[in-house]
C-alpha atoms as a PDB file:
ATOM      1  CA  MET A   1      17.096  -3.725  -7.969  1.00  0.00           C
ATOM      2  CA  THR A   2      14.531  -5.498  -5.809  1.00  0.00           C
ATOM      3  CA  SER A   3      13.361  -4.558  -2.337  1.00  0.00           C
ATOM      4  CA  PRO A   4      10.564  -6.884  -1.222  1.00  0.00           C
ATOM      5  CA  PHE A   5      10.658  -5.857   2.437  1.00  0.00           C
ATOM      6  CA  MET A   6      10.672  -2.019   2.334  1.00  0.00           C
ATOM      7  CA  LEU A   7      14.232  -1.848   3.674  1.00  0.00           C
ATOM      8  CA  LEU A   8      15.445   0.842   1.274  1.00  0.00           C
ATOM      9  CA  ALA A   9      14.642   4.547   1.163  1.00  0.00           C
ATOM     10  CA  LEU A  10      15.659   5.613  -2.315  1.00  0.00           C
ATOM     11  CA  PRO A  11      15.655   9.038  -4.027  1.00  0.00           C
ATOM     12  CA  VAL A  12      12.562   9.792  -6.100  1.00  0.00           C
ATOM     13  CA  ARG A  13      13.228  11.328  -9.480  1.00  0.00           C
ATOM     14  CA  PRO A  14      12.194  15.001  -9.256  1.00  0.00           C
ATOM     15  CA  ASP A  15      10.028  14.726 -12.377  1.00  0.00           C
ATOM     16  CA  HIS A  16       7.986  11.992 -10.634  1.00  0.00           C
ATOM     17  CA  THR A  17       7.555  13.606  -7.198  1.00  0.00           C
ATOM     18  CA  ASP A  18       4.226  15.266  -8.105  1.00  0.00           C
ATOM     19  CA  LYS A  19       2.754  11.977  -9.324  1.00  0.00           C
ATOM     20  CA  ILE A  20       3.496  10.092  -6.043  1.00  0.00           C
ATOM     21  CA  ALA A  21       3.585  12.948  -3.525  1.00  0.00           C
ATOM     22  CA  GLY A  22       1.840  10.837  -0.840  1.00  0.00           C
ATOM     23  CA  VAL A  23       4.848   8.498  -0.621  1.00  0.00           C
ATOM     24  CA  VAL A  24       7.696  10.966  -0.894  1.00  0.00           C
ATOM     25  CA  HIS A  25       9.466  11.869   2.339  1.00  0.00           C
ATOM     26  CA  VAL A  26      10.581  15.434   3.048  1.00  0.00           C
ATOM     27  CA  ASP A  27      14.137  14.524   2.001  1.00  0.00           C
ATOM     28  CA  GLY A  28      12.933  13.423  -1.454  1.00  0.00           C
ATOM     29  CA  THR A  29      13.165   9.693  -0.803  1.00  0.00           C
ATOM     30  CA  ALA A  30      10.532   6.954  -0.679  1.00  0.00           C
ATOM     31  CA  ARG A  31      10.628   3.602   1.079  1.00  0.00           C
ATOM     32  CA  VAL A  32      10.345   1.140  -1.786  1.00  0.00           C
ATOM     33  CA  GLN A  33       8.751  -2.290  -1.821  1.00  0.00           C
ATOM     34  CA  THR A  34       9.078  -4.115  -5.100  1.00  0.00           C
ATOM     35  CA  VAL A  35       6.430  -6.668  -6.070  1.00  0.00           C
ATOM     36  CA  ASP A  36       7.043  -9.824  -8.086  1.00  0.00           C
ATOM     37  CA  PRO A  37       3.797 -10.699  -9.881  1.00  0.00           C
ATOM     38  CA  ALA A  38       4.924 -14.322 -10.136  1.00  0.00           C
ATOM     39  CA  THR A  39       5.073 -14.538  -6.341  1.00  0.00           C
ATOM     40  CA  THR A  40       2.058 -12.368  -5.517  1.00  0.00           C
ATOM     41  CA  PRO A  41      -0.168 -12.433  -8.610  1.00  0.00           C
ATOM     42  CA  ALA A  42      -3.183 -10.735  -7.021  1.00  0.00           C
ATOM     43  CA  TYR A  43      -1.130  -7.801  -5.713  1.00  0.00           C
ATOM     44  CA  GLY A  44       0.745  -7.557  -9.002  1.00  0.00           C
ATOM     45  CA  ALA A  45      -2.573  -7.476 -10.877  1.00  0.00           C
ATOM     46  CA  LEU A  46      -3.888  -4.751  -8.548  1.00  0.00           C
ATOM     47  CA  ILE A  47      -0.820  -2.592  -9.138  1.00  0.00           C
ATOM     48  CA  GLU A  48      -1.025  -3.131 -12.923  1.00  0.00           C
ATOM     49  CA  HIS A  49      -4.755  -2.268 -12.962  1.00  0.00           C
ATOM     50  CA  PHE A  50      -4.048   0.912 -10.947  1.00  0.00           C
ATOM     51  CA  HIS A  51      -1.248   1.727 -13.440  1.00  0.00           C
ATOM     52  CA  GLN A  52      -3.656   1.303 -16.388  1.00  0.00           C
ATOM     53  CA  LEU A  53      -6.245   3.606 -14.712  1.00  0.00           C
ATOM     54  CA  THR A  54      -3.889   6.332 -13.491  1.00  0.00           C
ATOM     55  CA  LYS A  55      -0.635   5.970 -15.494  1.00  0.00           C
ATOM     56  CA  VAL A  56       1.108   5.631 -12.094  1.00  0.00           C
ATOM     57  CA  PRO A  57       2.568   2.144 -11.314  1.00  0.00           C
ATOM     58  CA  VAL A  58       2.775   2.775  -7.560  1.00  0.00           C
ATOM     59  CA  VAL A  59       0.444   2.079  -4.669  1.00  0.00           C
ATOM     60  CA  LEU A  60       0.861   3.199  -1.083  1.00  0.00           C
ATOM     61  CA  ASN A  61       1.478   0.329   1.296  1.00  0.00           C
ATOM     62  CA  THR A  62       0.910   1.332   4.885  1.00  0.00           C
ATOM     63  CA  SER A  63       0.243  -0.260   8.262  1.00  0.00           C
ATOM     64  CA  PHE A  64      -3.319  -0.973   9.290  1.00  0.00           C
ATOM     65  CA  ASN A  65      -3.948   0.323  12.787  1.00  0.00           C
ATOM     66  CA  ASP A  66      -5.817   3.085  14.553  1.00  0.00           C
ATOM     67  CA  ARG A  67      -4.309   4.302  17.858  1.00  0.00           C
ATOM     68  CA  GLU A  68      -3.328   0.701  18.590  1.00  0.00           C
ATOM     69  CA  PRO A  69      -0.749  -1.919  17.447  1.00  0.00           C
ATOM     70  CA  ILE A  70      -0.875  -3.067  13.814  1.00  0.00           C
ATOM     71  CA  VAL A  71      -3.671  -5.587  13.202  1.00  0.00           C
ATOM     72  CA  ASP A  72      -2.522  -9.184  13.197  1.00  0.00           C
ATOM     73  CA  THR A  73      -5.641 -11.308  12.669  1.00  0.00           C
ATOM     74  CA  PRO A  74      -8.730 -11.028  10.454  1.00  0.00           C
ATOM     75  CA  ALA A  75     -10.881 -10.548  13.582  1.00  0.00           C
ATOM     76  CA  HIS A  76      -8.643  -7.697  14.709  1.00  0.00           C
ATOM     77  CA  ALA A  77      -8.851  -6.168  11.217  1.00  0.00           C
ATOM     78  CA  LEU A  78     -12.682  -6.251  11.323  1.00  0.00           C
ATOM     79  CA  ALA A  79     -12.738  -4.684  14.784  1.00  0.00           C
ATOM     80  CA  THR A  80     -10.355  -1.934  13.664  1.00  0.00           C
ATOM     81  CA  LEU A  81     -12.451  -1.305  10.505  1.00  0.00           C
ATOM     82  CA  GLN A  82     -15.529  -0.875  12.721  1.00  0.00           C
ATOM     83  CA  ALA A  83     -13.714   1.563  15.033  1.00  0.00           C
ATOM     84  CA  CYS A  84     -12.034   3.837  12.502  1.00  0.00           C
ATOM     85  CA  ASP A  85     -12.971   6.032   9.550  1.00  0.00           C
ATOM     86  CA  LEU A  86     -11.971   3.660   6.758  1.00  0.00           C
ATOM     87  CA  ASP A  87     -14.605   2.639   4.207  1.00  0.00           C
ATOM     88  CA  ALA A  88     -13.313  -0.843   3.430  1.00  0.00           C
ATOM     89  CA  ALA A  89     -10.522  -3.351   4.013  1.00  0.00           C
ATOM     90  CA  CYS A  90      -9.161  -6.223   1.971  1.00  0.00           C
ATOM     91  CA  ILE A  91      -8.746  -9.333   4.063  1.00  0.00           C
ATOM     92  CA  GLY A  92      -7.169 -12.039   1.977  1.00  0.00           C
ATOM     93  CA  GLU A  93      -9.259 -12.237  -1.165  1.00  0.00           C
ATOM     94  CA  TYR A  94     -12.270 -10.543   0.443  1.00  0.00           C
ATOM     95  CA  LEU A  95     -13.300  -6.901   0.286  1.00  0.00           C
ATOM     96  CA  VAL A  96     -15.148  -5.917   3.441  1.00  0.00           C
ATOM     97  CA  GLU A  97     -17.094  -2.634   3.250  1.00  0.00           C
ATOM     98  CA  ARG A  98     -18.664  -0.601   6.036  1.00  0.00           C
ATOM     99  CA  PHE A  99     -22.345   0.176   5.782  1.00  0.00           C
END
């Protein structure tokens, strides 16, 4: 089953709940977004690298905002990064870190 747009909230297997607790809702479901490495190779590679490091093939995908609407431009992302407690942000193929 594929779900590229996070439209499905599916049950998480109880034996996996501990491993991905940050994405499991109180009812035992998680909103799933599947990733096709052929379509998004950089994101697919990131997930695979994380899987190799942690043995967990899941990353948390969340909105990027801080007491405001979700960022919609690179300039807005940089302004939000400056204003909040995040350490870094990926913008396209760039990693921008706070100093």
